[in-house]
Amino acid sequence: MKKKELHRQENERKIRLSEDLLWGIHPVFEALDQEPERVSEVYIVKDRKGGKREEIIEKARNAGVKINFVSSLRLNGEEASRVRHQGVLAKMSKTSLMPFSALLDKFDSLVKKGKNPRFVVLDTLQDPHNIGAIIRSAHASGMDGVLVTRERSAPIGGTAAKSAAGAMSHIDICQVTNLAQSLQALKKVGAWVFGAVKDIEASSLYTTDLILPTCVVIGSEGSGIRPLVRKQCDVLLSIPMEGKLDSLNSSVAAGVIMFEILRQRQIR
């Protein structure tokens, strides 16, 4: 295979057609113009030109939306052959996403009112069913918001929304690009960051004081919390377990922790 052809294939982006996608120059432009808080990512074929494309790029940058420049776009799926994307695609969330600055202000305001906010933080979870289940448990346990990563994370789209069973519209959700920096900012306004790990030296969930202004970090399904994010954790905690298995599904573990936070606050 020729070097140029190999390079072209390496820069081609293959995306599975799903209900989370919006395509075409005008639909993507309108989405960024009318509801940019729902746009999580934009893909643009870089060799094509046009005024609207430049406006799409400008609007995406102004809204803090991630832009992916690719050599070509190929959609996979049963109806993919009917799609005319015009070199522009957007990934949409099923709910409006709160800007991080607004989430930070909310946390700061709750701390100053003495209400000890509680947020769950999802570090690169890749299964939308898990994300949806955690959002559902977060709402049911009284959490004040959900913070998720933009990179290497499943979309907050139709699959996650179905698993959340309606909870998405009742809780604030925010996506960030740099989670470690975001946690640093939250710590400056009073947050204590708790990292959920499977480590025999971590503090037991049931002996850890979780009445503080809390951000509890749940790691990805395979590798857990990333090293740079783990460094931002003030306390590492684990769930005591019996039996032969040494870990829980991420959504189950998140649910156990969030309801323990609720239990501690209710008995106080």
Protein backbone atom coordinates (compact mmCIF):
# COMPACT_ATOMS: atom_id res chain seq x y z
CA MET A 1 0.00 0.00 0.00
CA LYS A 2 1.32 3.44 -0.93
CA LYS A 3 2.35 5.76 1.92
CA LYS A 4 -0.14 8.48 0.88
CA GLU A 5 -3.03 5.99 0.77
CA LEU A 6 -2.08 4.62 4.19
CA HIS A 7 -1.99 8.15 5.63
CA ARG A 8 -5.42 8.89 4.13
CA GLN A 9 -6.93 5.81 5.75
CA GLU A 10 -5.36 6.65 9.10
CA ASN A 11 -7.09 10.05 9.04
CA GLU A 12 -10.45 8.71 7.97
CA ARG A 13 -13.03 8.65 10.77
CA LYS A 14 -15.59 5.82 10.85
CA ILE A 15 -18.66 6.54 12.97
CA ARG A 16 -21.65 4.30 13.62
CA LEU A 17 -24.95 5.92 12.70
CA SER A 18 -26.98 6.46 15.86
CA GLU A 19 -29.71 8.63 17.34
CA ASP A 20 -26.97 10.75 18.99
CA LEU A 21 -25.77 12.11 15.62
CA LEU A 22 -26.78 15.22 13.70
CA TRP A 23 -25.43 15.75 10.20
CA GLY A 24 -25.36 18.34 7.46
CA ILE A 25 -24.06 21.91 7.37
CA HIS A 26 -27.31 23.74 8.17
CA PRO A 27 -28.62 21.38 10.91
CA VAL A 28 -25.27 21.46 12.73
CA PHE A 29 -25.03 25.25 12.35
CA GLU A 30 -28.53 25.69 13.79
CA ALA A 31 -27.78 23.34 16.70
CA LEU A 32 -24.68 25.36 17.61
CA ASP A 33 -26.61 28.60 17.19
CA GLN A 34 -29.75 27.62 19.14
CA GLU A 35 -28.69 25.02 21.73
CA PRO A 36 -24.88 24.73 21.88
CA GLU A 37 -25.14 23.26 25.39
CA ARG A 38 -26.40 20.01 23.81
CA VAL A 39 -23.55 19.68 21.29
CA SER A 40 -20.73 17.59 22.73
CA GLU A 41 -18.51 17.13 19.67
CA VAL A 42 -18.20 18.22 16.02
CA TYR A 43 -16.49 16.42 13.11
CA ILE A 44 -15.47 18.42 10.04
CA VAL A 45 -13.77 17.21 6.86
CA LYS A 46 -10.80 19.55 6.77
CA ASP A 47 -10.21 19.91 3.01
CA ARG A 48 -13.66 21.27 2.23
CA LYS A 49 -14.31 25.02 2.24
CA GLY A 50 -17.35 27.22 2.68
CA GLY A 51 -18.61 30.17 4.71
CA LYS A 52 -20.97 28.14 6.85
CA ARG A 53 -18.18 25.74 7.74
CA GLU A 54 -16.10 28.60 9.08
CA GLU A 55 -19.08 29.82 11.07
CA ILE A 56 -19.61 26.32 12.46
CA ILE A 57 -15.98 26.20 13.56
CA GLU A 58 -16.23 29.66 15.15
CA LYS A 59 -19.47 28.84 16.98
CA ALA A 60 -18.10 25.51 18.22
CA ARG A 61 -14.95 27.19 19.55
CA ASN A 62 -16.93 29.95 21.24
CA ALA A 63 -19.14 27.34 22.92
CA GLY A 64 -16.16 25.23 24.06
CA VAL A 65 -17.26 22.30 21.88
CA LYS A 66 -14.55 19.84 20.84
CA ILE A 67 -13.76 20.00 17.09
CA ASN A 68 -12.31 17.02 15.21
CA PHE A 69 -10.77 17.78 11.80
CA VAL A 70 -10.62 14.61 9.69
CA SER A 71 -9.66 13.75 6.11
CA SER A 72 -12.96 11.94 5.50
CA LEU A 73 -16.06 10.71 7.29
CA ARG A 74 -17.62 7.30 6.82
CA LEU A 75 -20.84 6.27 8.54
CA ASN A 76 -21.61 2.65 9.37
CA GLY A 77 -25.09 1.23 9.93
CA GLU A 78 -28.22 0.10 8.13
CA GLU A 79 -29.33 3.58 6.98
CA ALA A 80 -25.83 5.04 6.53
CA SER A 81 -25.97 4.94 2.73
CA ARG A 82 -28.89 7.40 2.76
CA VAL A 83 -27.10 10.00 4.87
CA ARG A 84 -25.63 13.07 3.12
CA HIS A 85 -23.51 14.59 5.87
CA GLN A 86 -21.76 17.20 3.64
CA GLY A 87 -18.56 16.68 5.62
CA VAL A 88 -20.08 17.88 8.91
CA LEU A 89 -21.32 15.79 11.85
CA ALA A 90 -22.23 16.64 15.44
CA LYS A 91 -22.72 14.43 18.47
CA MET A 92 -25.68 15.58 20.53
CA SER A 93 -26.64 14.89 24.11
CA LYS A 94 -30.24 14.12 25.08
CA THR A 95 -30.21 16.92 27.62
CA SER A 96 -28.78 20.40 27.99
CA LEU A 97 -25.29 20.33 29.48
CA MET A 98 -24.33 22.82 32.18
CA PRO A 99 -21.15 24.84 31.48
CA PHE A 100 -18.41 24.09 33.99
CA SER A 101 -18.30 27.72 35.10
CA ALA A 102 -21.98 27.47 36.07
CA LEU A 103 -21.42 24.18 37.91
CA LEU A 104 -18.49 25.72 39.78
CA ASP A 105 -20.61 28.72 40.77
CA LYS A 106 -23.37 26.38 41.96
CA PHE A 107 -20.94 24.39 44.12
CA ASP A 108 -19.43 27.57 45.56
CA SER A 109 -22.87 29.01 46.32
CA LEU A 110 -24.03 25.85 48.10
CA VAL A 111 -20.85 25.75 50.19
CA LYS A 112 -21.30 29.37 51.26
CA LYS A 113 -24.86 28.58 52.30
CA GLY A 114 -23.58 25.70 54.44
CA LYS A 115 -25.43 23.08 52.40
CA ASN A 116 -22.42 20.82 51.65
CA PRO A 117 -23.02 19.97 47.96
CA ARG A 118 -22.42 16.47 46.62
CA PHE A 119 -21.44 15.65 43.06
CA VAL A 120 -20.57 12.39 41.33
CA VAL A 121 -17.68 12.53 38.84
CA LEU A 122 -17.33 9.96 36.04
CA ASP A 123 -13.79 9.49 34.74
CA THR A 124 -13.91 8.16 31.14
CA LEU A 125 -16.78 5.70 31.53
CA GLN A 126 -17.35 4.08 28.15
CA ASP A 127 -20.60 2.19 28.64
CA PRO A 128 -23.66 4.44 28.12
CA HIS A 129 -25.79 2.02 30.15
CA ASN A 130 -23.52 2.60 33.16
CA ILE A 131 -23.60 6.37 32.69
CA GLY A 132 -27.39 6.36 32.50
CA ALA A 133 -27.73 4.10 35.55
CA ILE A 134 -25.41 6.34 37.57
CA ILE A 135 -27.36 9.46 36.57
CA ARG A 136 -30.55 7.72 37.70
CA SER A 137 -29.01 6.76 41.07
CA ALA A 138 -27.52 10.26 41.45
CA HIS A 139 -30.96 11.82 41.16
CA ALA A 140 -32.56 9.23 43.45
CA SER A 141 -29.89 9.72 46.15
CA GLY A 142 -30.11 13.51 46.09
CA MET A 143 -26.80 14.35 44.43
CA ASP A 144 -26.49 17.95 43.24
CA GLY A 145 -24.91 17.20 39.87
CA VAL A 146 -22.94 14.89 37.61
CA LEU A 147 -19.57 15.74 36.06
CA VAL A 148 -18.39 13.62 33.12
CA THR A 149 -15.34 13.65 30.87
CA ARG A 150 -15.57 14.67 27.24
CA GLU A 151 -12.68 12.47 26.07
CA ARG A 152 -12.98 8.67 25.88
CA SER A 153 -16.46 8.78 27.37
CA ALA A 154 -19.70 7.31 26.06
CA PRO A 155 -22.12 9.94 24.70
CA ILE A 156 -24.92 11.22 26.89
CA GLY A 157 -27.37 10.24 24.19
CA GLY A 158 -30.31 7.95 23.65
CA THR A 159 -28.86 4.82 25.24
CA ALA A 160 -27.76 6.64 28.38
CA ALA A 161 -31.08 8.51 28.53
CA LYS A 162 -33.03 5.25 28.39
CA SER A 163 -30.97 3.78 31.25
CA ALA A 164 -31.45 6.99 33.24
CA ALA A 165 -35.23 6.49 33.00
CA GLY A 166 -36.07 10.19 32.87
CA ALA A 167 -33.56 11.36 35.48
CA MET A 168 -31.50 13.41 33.00
CA SER A 169 -34.01 16.23 32.99
CA HIS A 170 -33.94 16.48 36.79
CA ILE A 171 -30.22 16.80 37.54
CA ASP A 172 -27.42 19.09 36.34
CA ILE A 173 -24.90 17.38 34.02
CA CYS A 174 -21.62 18.91 32.92
CA GLN A 175 -18.90 17.70 30.53
CA VAL A 176 -15.27 18.80 30.82
CA THR A 177 -12.16 18.21 28.74
CA ASN A 178 -9.57 18.32 31.54
CA LEU A 179 -10.97 16.55 34.59
CA ALA A 180 -7.87 16.98 36.77
CA GLN A 181 -7.95 20.77 36.31
CA SER A 182 -11.71 20.82 36.93
CA LEU A 183 -11.26 18.98 40.23
CA GLN A 184 -8.54 21.46 41.21
CA ALA A 185 -11.00 24.30 40.61
CA LEU A 186 -13.68 22.56 42.68
CA LYS A 187 -11.22 22.02 45.54
CA LYS A 188 -10.52 25.76 45.58
CA VAL A 189 -14.19 26.42 46.36
CA GLY A 190 -14.28 23.86 49.14
CA ALA A 191 -14.74 20.43 47.56
CA TRP A 192 -13.30 17.28 49.09
CA VAL A 193 -12.50 14.78 46.35
CA PHE A 194 -13.07 11.09 47.14
CA GLY A 195 -11.81 8.48 44.70
CA ALA A 196 -13.50 5.07 44.53
CA VAL A 197 -10.83 2.37 44.16
CA LYS A 198 -10.31 -1.33 44.82
CA ASP A 199 -7.28 -0.99 47.11
CA ILE A 200 -6.76 -2.72 50.46
CA GLU A 201 -5.06 0.42 51.80
CA ALA A 202 -7.99 2.71 50.90
CA SER A 203 -10.36 3.93 53.60
CA SER A 204 -13.54 1.92 54.09
CA LEU A 205 -16.63 3.61 52.69
CA TYR A 206 -18.45 2.95 55.97
CA THR A 207 -15.85 4.62 58.20
CA THR A 208 -15.27 7.67 55.97
CA ASP A 209 -16.96 10.99 56.81
CA LEU A 210 -18.92 11.95 53.71
CA ILE A 211 -20.82 14.87 55.22
CA LEU A 212 -18.28 17.29 53.72
CA PRO A 213 -18.78 19.13 50.41
CA THR A 214 -18.17 16.07 48.25
CA CYS A 215 -17.04 15.08 44.78
CA VAL A 216 -16.87 11.30 44.48
CA VAL A 217 -14.91 10.04 41.46
CA ILE A 218 -15.91 6.80 39.73
CA GLY A 219 -13.28 5.37 37.37
CA SER A 220 -13.74 3.67 34.00
CA GLU A 221 -14.98 0.11 33.73
CA GLY A 222 -11.58 -1.36 32.93
CA SER A 223 -8.70 0.69 34.32
CA GLY A 224 -10.44 2.74 37.03
CA ILE A 225 -9.42 6.29 37.89
CA ARG A 226 -6.61 7.69 35.74
CA PRO A 227 -3.32 8.57 37.51
CA LEU A 228 -3.57 12.37 37.06
CA VAL A 229 -7.15 12.36 38.32
CA ARG A 230 -6.21 10.07 41.23
CA LYS A 231 -3.60 12.64 42.32
CA GLN A 232 -6.41 15.14 42.86
CA CYS A 233 -8.23 12.81 45.27
CA ASP A 234 -8.03 13.86 48.92
CA VAL A 235 -9.22 10.44 50.10
CA LEU A 236 -9.28 7.05 48.40
CA LEU A 237 -12.15 4.89 49.56
CA SER A 238 -13.27 1.32 48.88
CA ILE A 239 -16.41 -0.73 49.41
CA PRO A 240 -15.87 -3.63 51.87
CA MET A 241 -16.78 -6.88 50.13
CA GLU A 242 -17.11 -10.56 50.85
CA GLY A 243 -17.13 -13.41 48.37
CA LYS A 244 -14.70 -14.33 45.62
CA LEU A 245 -15.12 -11.24 43.41
CA ASP A 246 -12.95 -8.23 44.17
CA SER A 247 -14.86 -5.50 42.31
CA LEU A 248 -18.31 -4.27 41.36
CA ASN A 249 -19.77 -2.92 38.16
CA SER A 250 -19.08 0.84 38.07
CA SER A 251 -22.76 1.82 38.19
CA VAL A 252 -23.41 -0.52 41.13
CA ALA A 253 -20.37 0.81 43.02
CA ALA A 254 -21.45 4.40 42.35
CA GLY A 255 -24.94 3.62 43.63
CA VAL A 256 -23.62 2.05 46.84
CA ILE A 257 -21.42 5.09 47.53
CA MET A 258 -24.05 7.70 46.71
CA PHE A 259 -26.65 6.09 48.94
CA GLU A 260 -24.10 5.82 51.76
CA ILE A 261 -23.59 9.59 51.41
CA LEU A 262 -27.37 9.99 51.68
CA ARG A 263 -27.55 7.66 54.72
CA GLN A 264 -24.84 9.58 56.58
CA ARG A 265 -26.55 12.89 55.96
CA GLN A 266 -29.95 11.61 57.04
CA ILE A 267 -28.72 10.22 60.37
CA ARG A 268 -26.95 13.51 61.14
